[in-house]
Amino acid sequence: MNNKVLIVEDELIFGQNLKLYLEAQQFDIQIARDGASAINLIKGSFMPDIIVLDFRLPDMPGFQVLDEIRQYWHGHCVLMTGNPSSEVSAQAIQYGVKYILFKPFPLAELACSVRTLINTSQYQKQDSVSQSGLTPKRRRHQSSHFPLQMYDGTWIYADRRQSDQAENLDANSAEKESADNNDPT
């Protein structure tokens, strides 16, 4: 098991259920029951790919945990909350949280979120390694297709060439306009 997940959840039974379910999905799981324990785990030897973080912890808010660990860890986060407010969602977006799960949620939804984020981070790592040393134009061509997961769970592969074509049209329009302005007739 290489996919490491840190679950930060103060409710013991709920945390154990999350751990057992994700372990059955072949994830390497550690649990922290409060923010300070999570911070100490990350400062120590456990470097997770994904953090599944409860919004309300006994010692500090979940966002404070993210503030504290950002200097040591730069992975993806799934936020769990029983407070489905737009304020929490807006703040989560500012913190770069990729998924918000509103309690109670199906465990399969958590596993899907974690797996998607791990696949995304592995794809990004492979993409950055494969692109090292390439020219910008070649790099853009190399990464012209990228996966997107739709709301219904299906995957599509988007094509960046359309945005490249739009850039070329804008550049050609600017050149033509410049040439028209310099034409003395």
Protein backbone atom coordinates (compact mmCIF):
# COMPACT_ATOMS: atom_id res chain seq x y z
CA MET A 1 0.00 0.00 0.00
CA ASN A 2 1.52 3.27 -1.11
CA ASN A 3 -1.47 5.61 -0.97
CA LYS A 4 -1.28 7.27 2.45
CA VAL A 5 -4.29 8.95 4.00
CA LEU A 6 -4.49 10.84 7.28
CA ILE A 7 -7.95 10.94 8.84
CA VAL A 8 -8.39 13.76 11.36
CA GLU A 9 -11.61 12.93 13.22
CA ASP A 10 -12.40 13.35 16.92
CA GLU A 11 -15.32 10.88 17.04
CA LEU A 12 -13.64 7.55 17.80
CA ILE A 13 -16.19 5.14 16.30
CA PHE A 14 -16.74 7.24 13.17
CA GLY A 15 -12.98 7.57 12.67
CA GLN A 16 -12.50 3.81 13.05
CA ASN A 17 -15.27 3.14 10.52
CA LEU A 18 -13.59 5.47 8.03
CA LYS A 19 -10.25 3.77 8.64
CA LEU A 20 -11.60 0.24 8.19
CA TYR A 21 -13.46 1.16 5.02
CA LEU A 22 -10.49 2.91 3.42
CA GLU A 23 -8.09 0.13 4.44
CA ALA A 24 -10.40 -2.31 2.66
CA GLN A 25 -9.94 -0.07 -0.40
CA GLN A 26 -6.14 -0.58 -0.15
CA PHE A 27 -5.18 2.73 1.47
CA ASP A 28 -2.55 3.13 4.20
CA ILE A 29 -4.42 4.96 6.99
CA GLN A 30 -3.40 6.88 10.09
CA ILE A 31 -5.90 8.55 12.43
CA ALA A 32 -5.45 11.69 14.49
CA ARG A 33 -8.17 12.55 17.01
CA ASP A 34 -7.41 16.25 17.19
CA GLY A 35 -5.59 18.99 15.32
CA ALA A 36 -2.41 18.91 17.40
CA SER A 37 -2.01 15.16 16.83
CA ALA A 38 -2.43 15.65 13.08
CA ILE A 39 0.18 18.40 13.04
CA ASN A 40 2.62 16.24 15.04
CA LEU A 41 2.11 13.27 12.70
CA ILE A 42 2.91 15.40 9.67
CA LYS A 43 5.87 17.11 11.34
CA GLY A 44 7.07 13.61 12.22
CA SER A 45 7.40 10.74 9.82
CA PHE A 46 3.92 10.33 8.29
CA MET A 47 3.54 12.25 5.03
CA PRO A 48 0.05 11.52 3.63
CA ASP A 49 -1.01 11.90 0.03
CA ILE A 50 -4.48 12.99 1.19
CA ILE A 51 -5.89 14.37 4.42
CA VAL A 52 -9.51 13.68 5.34
CA LEU A 53 -10.18 16.48 7.81
CA ASP A 54 -13.08 17.14 10.15
CA PHE A 55 -14.14 20.79 10.16
CA ARG A 56 -14.80 20.91 13.93
CA LEU A 57 -12.10 19.44 16.14
CA PRO A 58 -11.90 19.69 19.94
CA ASP A 59 -8.71 21.76 20.04
CA MET A 60 -8.85 23.87 16.86
CA PRO A 61 -10.85 24.36 13.67
CA GLY A 62 -9.91 22.22 10.67
CA PHE A 63 -8.75 25.26 8.72
CA GLN A 64 -6.26 26.09 11.46
CA VAL A 65 -4.83 22.58 11.04
CA LEU A 66 -4.36 23.33 7.34
CA ASP A 67 -2.64 26.62 8.19
CA GLU A 68 -0.25 24.85 10.54
CA ILE A 69 0.72 22.03 8.19
CA ARG A 70 1.05 23.93 4.90
CA GLN A 71 4.75 24.54 5.52
CA TYR A 72 5.36 20.77 5.83
CA TRP A 73 2.74 19.24 3.55
CA HIS A 74 1.36 20.19 0.13
CA GLY A 75 -1.19 17.49 -0.72
CA HIS A 76 -4.94 17.44 -1.26
CA CYS A 77 -7.63 17.67 1.40
CA VAL A 78 -11.15 16.31 1.79
CA LEU A 79 -13.16 18.28 4.36
CA MET A 80 -15.90 16.60 6.40
CA THR A 81 -18.50 18.77 8.06
CA GLY A 82 -21.93 18.58 9.60
CA ASN A 83 -22.40 22.28 8.84
CA PRO A 84 -23.53 22.65 5.21
CA SER A 85 -23.24 26.43 5.07
CA SER A 86 -22.05 28.55 2.19
CA GLU A 87 -19.51 30.21 4.52
CA VAL A 88 -17.79 26.88 5.20
CA SER A 89 -17.83 26.05 1.49
CA ALA A 90 -16.39 29.44 0.52
CA GLN A 91 -13.66 29.18 3.14
CA ALA A 92 -12.86 25.62 2.02
CA ILE A 93 -12.38 26.82 -1.55
CA GLN A 94 -9.99 29.53 -0.32
CA TYR A 95 -7.96 26.85 1.47
CA GLY A 96 -7.77 24.72 -1.66
CA VAL A 97 -10.01 21.94 -0.35
CA LYS A 98 -10.95 19.74 -3.30
CA TYR A 99 -13.96 17.91 -1.83
CA ILE A 100 -16.42 18.77 0.94
CA LEU A 101 -18.44 15.89 2.36
CA PHE A 102 -21.48 16.77 4.44
CA LYS A 103 -22.13 14.38 7.32
CA PRO A 104 -23.65 11.88 7.17
CA PHE A 105 -22.25 10.72 3.83
CA PRO A 106 -21.88 7.32 2.16
CA LEU A 107 -18.45 5.79 2.76
CA ALA A 108 -18.25 4.99 -0.95
CA GLU A 109 -18.37 8.74 -1.62
CA LEU A 110 -15.35 9.26 0.64
CA ALA A 111 -13.44 6.44 -1.05
CA CYS A 112 -14.26 7.88 -4.48
CA SER A 113 -13.07 11.35 -3.42
CA VAL A 114 -9.83 10.00 -1.96
CA ARG A 115 -9.12 7.80 -4.98
CA THR A 116 -9.81 10.66 -7.39
CA LEU A 117 -7.43 12.98 -5.53
CA ILE A 118 -4.71 10.34 -5.38
CA ASN A 119 -5.08 9.67 -9.11
CA THR A 120 -4.94 13.41 -9.77
CA SER A 121 -1.78 13.87 -7.71
CA GLN A 122 -0.11 10.84 -9.34
CA TYR A 123 -1.06 12.17 -12.79
CA GLN A 124 0.37 15.59 -11.90
CA LYS A 125 3.61 14.02 -10.65
CA GLN A 126 3.98 11.92 -13.80
CA ASP A 127 3.13 14.89 -15.98
CA SER A 128 5.71 17.14 -14.30
CA VAL A 129 8.40 14.44 -14.55
CA SER A 130 7.64 13.68 -18.20
CA GLN A 131 7.61 17.39 -19.08
CA SER A 132 10.94 18.32 -17.53
CA GLY A 133 13.27 19.66 -20.19
CA LEU A 134 10.56 20.22 -22.82
CA THR A 135 10.05 23.54 -24.57
CA PRO A 136 6.81 25.37 -23.67
CA LYS A 137 5.23 24.55 -27.05
CA ARG A 138 6.19 20.87 -26.77
CA ARG A 139 5.04 20.81 -23.13
CA ARG A 140 1.65 22.23 -24.15
CA HIS A 141 1.32 19.55 -26.85
CA GLN A 142 2.44 16.80 -24.46
CA SER A 143 -0.25 17.71 -21.93
CA SER A 144 -3.02 18.53 -24.39
CA HIS A 145 -5.37 15.94 -22.86
CA PHE A 146 -6.25 15.94 -19.20
CA PRO A 147 -8.82 13.96 -17.21
CA LEU A 148 -11.90 15.58 -15.71
CA GLN A 149 -14.39 13.81 -13.49
CA MET A 150 -18.00 14.82 -14.02
CA TYR A 151 -20.56 15.16 -11.22
CA ASP A 152 -22.04 11.77 -12.05
CA GLY A 153 -18.64 10.10 -11.58
CA THR A 154 -17.82 9.53 -15.25
CA TRP A 155 -14.43 10.58 -16.60
CA ILE A 156 -13.87 12.63 -19.74
CA TYR A 157 -10.63 13.77 -21.30
CA ALA A 158 -10.60 17.44 -22.19
CA ASP A 159 -8.50 18.85 -24.99
CA ARG A 160 -6.42 21.97 -24.43
CA ARG A 161 -5.91 22.46 -28.17
CA GLN A 162 -9.08 24.54 -28.36
CA SER A 163 -7.58 27.14 -26.03
CA ASP A 164 -4.33 27.04 -28.06
CA GLN A 165 -6.33 27.69 -31.24
CA ALA A 166 -8.06 30.62 -29.56
CA GLU A 167 -4.68 32.05 -28.56
CA ASN A 168 -3.47 31.70 -32.17
CA LEU A 169 -6.60 33.46 -33.47
CA ASP A 170 -6.04 36.31 -31.03
CA ALA A 171 -2.38 36.57 -32.06
CA ASN A 172 -3.28 36.52 -35.78
CA SER A 173 -5.97 39.17 -35.24
CA ALA A 174 -3.48 41.38 -33.40
CA GLU A 175 -0.90 40.98 -36.19
CA LYS A 176 -3.49 41.80 -38.87
CA GLU A 177 -4.72 44.83 -36.93
CA SER A 178 -1.15 46.04 -36.49
CA ALA A 179 -0.49 45.59 -40.22
CA ASP A 180 -3.71 47.48 -41.07
CA ASN A 181 -2.70 50.38 -38.82
CA ASN A 182 0.73 50.61 -40.50
CA ASP A 183 -0.74 50.52 -44.04
CA PRO A 184 -0.49 54.07 -45.49
CA THR A 185 -3.47 53.61 -47.90
